[in-house]
Amino acid sequence: MPIFEFACLKCGTEFECLVFKDEKPECPNCGSSDAEKRMSTFGISIGYKFRPASTGSKSSCSSCGASSCAGCS
């Protein structure tokens, strides 16, 4: 079930809403159904895989202290 971000065109309130197909969400502040869908930063692909932050040492992961990053992927 997709959750989208919206901005109300009447009062300017930004909100998230679970919507199905062509439903029009209502603004939680003013009740208007005149809202614009916004680009969600969560849904943007950055084009490369996550790499753990490490100093290059294979002995441990700098973010969690595990002895190997093999399980982190």
Protein backbone atom coordinates (compact mmCIF):
# COMPACT_ATOMS: atom_id res chain seq x y z
CA MET A 1 0.00 0.00 0.00
CA PRO A 2 1.68 3.20 -1.15
CA ILE A 3 2.06 6.20 1.13
CA PHE A 4 2.51 9.45 -0.75
CA GLU A 5 3.51 12.95 0.32
CA PHE A 6 1.17 15.81 -0.54
CA ALA A 7 0.95 19.59 -0.17
CA CYS A 8 -2.47 21.20 0.21
CA LEU A 9 -2.99 23.89 -2.44
CA LYS A 10 -5.50 25.71 -0.23
CA CYS A 11 -3.62 26.09 3.08
CA GLY A 12 -0.09 24.87 2.25
CA THR A 13 -0.03 22.02 4.79
CA GLU A 14 2.33 19.17 3.87
CA PHE A 15 1.14 15.69 4.82
CA GLU A 16 1.51 11.98 4.06
CA CYS A 17 -1.44 9.83 3.08
CA LEU A 18 -2.17 6.23 2.16
CA VAL A 19 -3.98 6.35 -1.19
CA PHE A 20 -5.49 3.72 -3.45
CA LYS A 21 -5.57 4.16 -7.25
CA ASP A 22 -7.20 7.51 -8.11
CA GLU A 23 -8.36 8.54 -4.63
CA LYS A 24 -7.96 12.20 -3.73
CA PRO A 25 -6.63 12.72 -0.20
CA GLU A 26 -8.13 15.28 2.14
CA CYS A 27 -5.93 17.80 3.92
CA PRO A 28 -5.83 17.01 7.66
CA ASN A 29 -5.71 20.75 8.42
CA CYS A 30 -8.51 22.28 6.30
CA GLY A 31 -10.28 19.27 4.74
CA SER A 32 -9.66 20.37 1.15
CA SER A 33 -9.21 17.65 -1.46
CA ASP A 34 -7.12 19.97 -3.64
CA ALA A 35 -3.63 18.60 -2.95
CA GLU A 36 -0.50 18.24 -5.05
CA LYS A 37 1.59 15.04 -4.91
CA ARG A 38 5.19 15.74 -3.90
CA MET A 39 8.38 13.89 -4.75
CA SER A 40 9.32 11.69 -1.83
CA THR A 41 13.01 11.62 -0.98
CA PHE A 42 12.55 8.03 0.19
CA GLY A 43 11.55 6.97 -3.31
CA ILE A 44 14.53 8.46 -5.13
CA SER A 45 17.19 6.05 -6.37
CA ILE A 46 20.77 7.25 -6.08
CA GLY A 47 22.13 4.87 -8.69
CA TYR A 48 24.71 2.97 -6.65
CA LYS A 49 24.74 0.47 -3.81
CA PHE A 50 25.27 1.42 -0.20
CA ARG A 51 28.81 0.91 0.98
CA PRO A 52 29.53 0.68 4.70
CA ALA A 53 31.55 3.54 6.10
CA SER A 54 34.90 2.06 7.00
CA THR A 55 38.53 3.08 7.06
CA GLY A 56 39.52 0.30 4.70
CA SER A 57 40.41 -2.12 7.48
CA LYS A 58 38.92 -5.56 6.95
CA SER A 59 39.06 -6.33 10.68
CA SER A 60 35.84 -4.58 11.69
CA CYS A 61 33.06 -2.32 10.53
CA SER A 62 33.40 1.21 11.86
CA SER A 63 29.66 1.71 12.22
CA CYS A 64 28.75 -1.39 14.26
CA GLY A 65 32.03 -2.92 15.46
CA ALA A 66 31.30 -6.37 14.00
CA SER A 67 34.29 -8.51 13.12
CA SER A 68 33.11 -8.79 9.51
CA CYS A 69 30.84 -6.77 7.23
CA ALA A 70 29.84 -9.93 5.34
CA GLY A 71 26.46 -10.06 7.11
CA CYS A 72 25.71 -6.37 6.61
CA SER A 73 25.68 -6.31 2.77
